[in-house]
């Protein structure tokens, strides 16, 4: 059985100066740190939600989210209303989405889809298991995905001397 398709993310990136964006400043001017934290917690909630959207159909949905955020549900509705006016989020048919978050996460989804397609093209045996491939084939498929064996951005070593050759990141 195939692994279920993941339609959320484990993390999202944001700018270190997000608090100084004019829309966020307007949110902070009206609701202070409570408004800013509600926005960031909403981004976190959307990131872990299926398809990066949150359904707030019932009053109980609002109360649960407000309890999670530590904010009164009526105040949270007011904060969300301002977020929508500032076009930080959209609420349509009781679904909350953040288009800028979706744009930031698009490369993650594209990479997953590319990996999924490559997985479907791999050779499998009669049991559906991947056939063992050589190191050379693995290096080629890694290069096709944009991963270079010589480039390892996670490495903290700048230079290494091995057999009189210098390997640089």
Protein backbone atom coordinates (compact mmCIF):
# COMPACT_ATOMS: atom_id res chain seq x y z
CA UNK A 1 0.00 0.00 0.00
CA UNK A 2 1.32 3.44 -0.91
CA UNK A 3 2.11 6.10 1.62
CA UNK A 4 -0.79 8.54 1.97
CA UNK A 5 -0.36 11.81 0.13
CA UNK A 6 0.76 14.53 2.55
CA UNK A 7 -1.16 17.76 2.03
CA UNK A 8 0.26 19.90 4.81
CA UNK A 9 3.74 20.90 5.99
CA UNK A 10 5.90 20.53 9.06
CA UNK A 11 7.14 24.10 8.97
CA UNK A 12 6.79 27.42 7.17
CA UNK A 13 9.33 30.15 6.61
CA UNK A 14 8.72 33.76 7.41
CA UNK A 15 10.74 36.93 7.20
CA UNK A 16 12.62 38.06 10.29
CA UNK A 17 11.02 41.48 9.86
CA UNK A 18 7.44 40.26 9.49
CA UNK A 19 6.40 42.33 12.50
CA UNK A 20 7.38 45.48 10.58
CA UNK A 21 5.27 44.84 7.48
CA UNK A 22 2.69 47.62 7.09
CA UNK A 23 -0.26 45.21 7.33
CA UNK A 24 1.15 43.57 10.44
CA UNK A 25 1.82 46.99 11.95
CA UNK A 26 -1.84 47.85 11.39
CA UNK A 27 -2.86 44.60 13.08
CA UNK A 28 -0.50 45.32 15.97
CA UNK A 29 -1.75 48.91 16.26
CA UNK A 30 -5.31 47.64 16.75
CA UNK A 31 -4.74 44.47 18.79
CA UNK A 32 -1.15 44.68 20.01
CA UNK A 33 0.87 41.56 20.56
CA UNK A 34 -2.36 39.57 20.84
CA UNK A 35 -3.20 40.33 17.20
CA UNK A 36 0.32 39.51 16.02
CA UNK A 37 0.46 36.26 17.96
CA UNK A 38 -3.00 35.29 16.67
CA UNK A 39 -1.73 35.77 13.11
CA UNK A 40 1.42 33.71 13.67
CA UNK A 41 -0.53 30.97 15.45
CA UNK A 42 -3.01 30.98 12.56
CA UNK A 43 -0.13 30.50 10.10
CA UNK A 44 1.10 27.57 12.19
CA UNK A 45 -2.40 26.10 12.30
CA UNK A 46 -2.86 26.52 8.54
CA UNK A 47 0.54 24.93 7.87
CA UNK A 48 -0.42 21.77 9.72
CA UNK A 49 -3.99 21.71 8.34
CA UNK A 50 -5.05 19.70 5.31
CA UNK A 51 -4.62 21.74 2.13
CA UNK A 52 -3.50 24.70 4.26
CA UNK A 53 -7.06 25.72 5.06
CA UNK A 54 -9.05 25.89 8.24
CA UNK A 55 -12.78 25.34 8.52
CA UNK A 56 -14.57 27.57 11.03
CA UNK A 57 -18.17 26.67 10.32
CA UNK A 58 -19.64 26.29 13.80
CA UNK A 59 -19.43 28.45 16.88
CA UNK A 60 -17.71 25.52 18.57
CA UNK A 61 -14.93 25.66 15.92
CA UNK A 62 -14.26 29.28 16.90
CA UNK A 63 -14.28 28.43 20.61
CA UNK A 64 -11.83 25.57 20.13
CA UNK A 65 -9.46 27.71 18.09
CA UNK A 66 -9.79 30.61 20.54
CA UNK A 67 -9.03 28.23 23.42
CA UNK A 68 -5.97 26.98 21.57
CA UNK A 69 -4.80 30.56 20.96
CA UNK A 70 -5.67 31.71 24.48
CA UNK A 71 -7.97 34.45 23.21
CA UNK A 72 -11.69 35.07 23.76
CA UNK A 73 -13.64 33.73 20.75
CA UNK A 74 -15.41 37.05 20.05
CA UNK A 75 -12.10 38.91 20.18
CA UNK A 76 -10.57 36.30 17.86
CA UNK A 77 -13.40 36.86 15.37
CA UNK A 78 -12.67 40.60 15.49
CA UNK A 79 -8.95 39.97 14.92
CA UNK A 80 -9.73 37.67 11.97
CA UNK A 81 -12.08 40.30 10.54
CA UNK A 82 -9.26 42.86 10.55
CA UNK A 83 -6.85 40.29 9.08
CA UNK A 84 -9.33 39.78 6.26
CA UNK A 85 -9.73 43.54 5.72
CA UNK A 86 -5.94 43.84 5.57
CA UNK A 87 -5.91 40.96 3.05
CA UNK A 88 -3.67 38.87 5.28
CA UNK A 89 -6.22 36.06 5.05
CA UNK A 90 -9.34 35.18 3.10
CA UNK A 91 -12.47 33.67 4.57
CA UNK A 92 -14.84 32.14 2.05
CA UNK A 93 -17.56 29.60 2.76
CA UNK A 94 -16.26 29.31 6.35
CA UNK A 95 -12.79 28.33 5.12
CA UNK A 96 -9.79 30.40 6.21
CA UNK A 97 -6.79 30.53 3.85
CA UNK A 98 -3.66 32.63 3.62
CA UNK A 99 -2.56 33.10 0.03
CA UNK A 100 0.93 34.32 0.94
CA UNK A 101 1.47 31.17 3.04
CA UNK A 102 0.26 29.02 0.15
CA UNK A 103 2.72 30.78 -2.18
CA UNK A 104 5.58 30.14 0.24
CA UNK A 105 4.66 26.47 0.52
CA UNK A 106 4.18 25.93 -3.24
CA UNK A 107 7.82 24.85 -3.78
CA UNK A 108 7.40 22.19 -1.07
CA UNK A 109 4.36 20.79 -2.85
CA UNK A 110 6.11 20.92 -6.22
CA UNK A 111 9.13 19.06 -4.82
CA UNK A 112 6.85 16.39 -3.34
CA UNK A 113 5.05 15.95 -6.64
CA UNK A 114 8.33 15.66 -8.52
CA UNK A 115 9.59 13.06 -6.03
CA UNK A 116 6.29 11.18 -6.32
CA UNK A 117 6.57 11.10 -10.11
CA UNK A 118 10.18 9.91 -9.92
CA UNK A 119 9.15 7.22 -7.46
CA UNK A 120 6.52 5.94 -9.87
CA UNK A 121 9.17 5.67 -12.59
CA UNK A 122 11.58 3.59 -10.48
CA UNK A 123 12.05 -0.07 -11.26
CA UNK A 124 10.16 -2.42 -8.97
CA UNK A 125 10.16 -6.17 -8.59
CA UNK A 126 7.08 -8.39 -8.76
CA UNK A 127 6.26 -7.59 -5.09
CA UNK A 128 6.28 -3.86 -5.78
CA UNK A 129 9.56 -3.32 -3.92
CA UNK A 130 12.19 -1.03 -5.38
CA UNK A 131 14.98 -2.83 -7.14
CA UNK A 132 18.47 -2.15 -5.86
CA UNK A 133 20.25 0.43 -7.99
CA UNK A 134 23.92 1.25 -8.24
CA UNK A 135 25.54 4.24 -6.59
CA UNK A 136 26.07 5.79 -10.03
CA UNK A 137 22.33 5.60 -10.78
CA UNK A 138 21.55 7.13 -7.40
CA UNK A 139 23.94 10.02 -8.11
CA UNK A 140 22.29 10.65 -11.48
CA UNK A 141 18.78 10.66 -10.03
CA UNK A 142 19.95 12.98 -7.24
CA UNK A 143 21.41 15.36 -9.80
CA UNK A 144 18.11 15.34 -11.70
CA UNK A 145 16.38 16.51 -8.53
CA UNK A 146 18.82 19.40 -8.20
CA UNK A 147 20.94 17.76 -5.50
CA UNK A 148 24.66 17.70 -6.07
CA UNK A 149 26.89 15.25 -4.29
CA UNK A 150 29.54 17.97 -3.91
CA UNK A 151 27.01 20.44 -2.52
CA UNK A 152 25.75 19.66 0.94
CA UNK A 153 24.32 22.85 2.42
CA UNK A 154 23.87 21.12 5.78
CA UNK A 155 27.64 20.62 6.13
CA UNK A 156 29.37 22.94 8.58
CA UNK A 157 32.84 22.03 7.32
CA UNK A 158 34.24 24.59 4.88
CA UNK A 159 37.20 22.61 3.58
CA UNK A 160 38.50 19.09 3.95
CA UNK A 161 41.76 17.63 2.67
CA UNK A 162 41.48 14.04 1.56
CA UNK A 163 44.21 12.31 -0.48
CA UNK A 164 45.73 15.70 -1.42
CA UNK A 165 42.42 16.85 -2.93
CA UNK A 166 40.56 19.82 -1.48
CA UNK A 167 36.82 19.45 -1.26
CA UNK A 168 34.98 22.75 -0.75
CA UNK A 169 31.31 23.29 -0.03
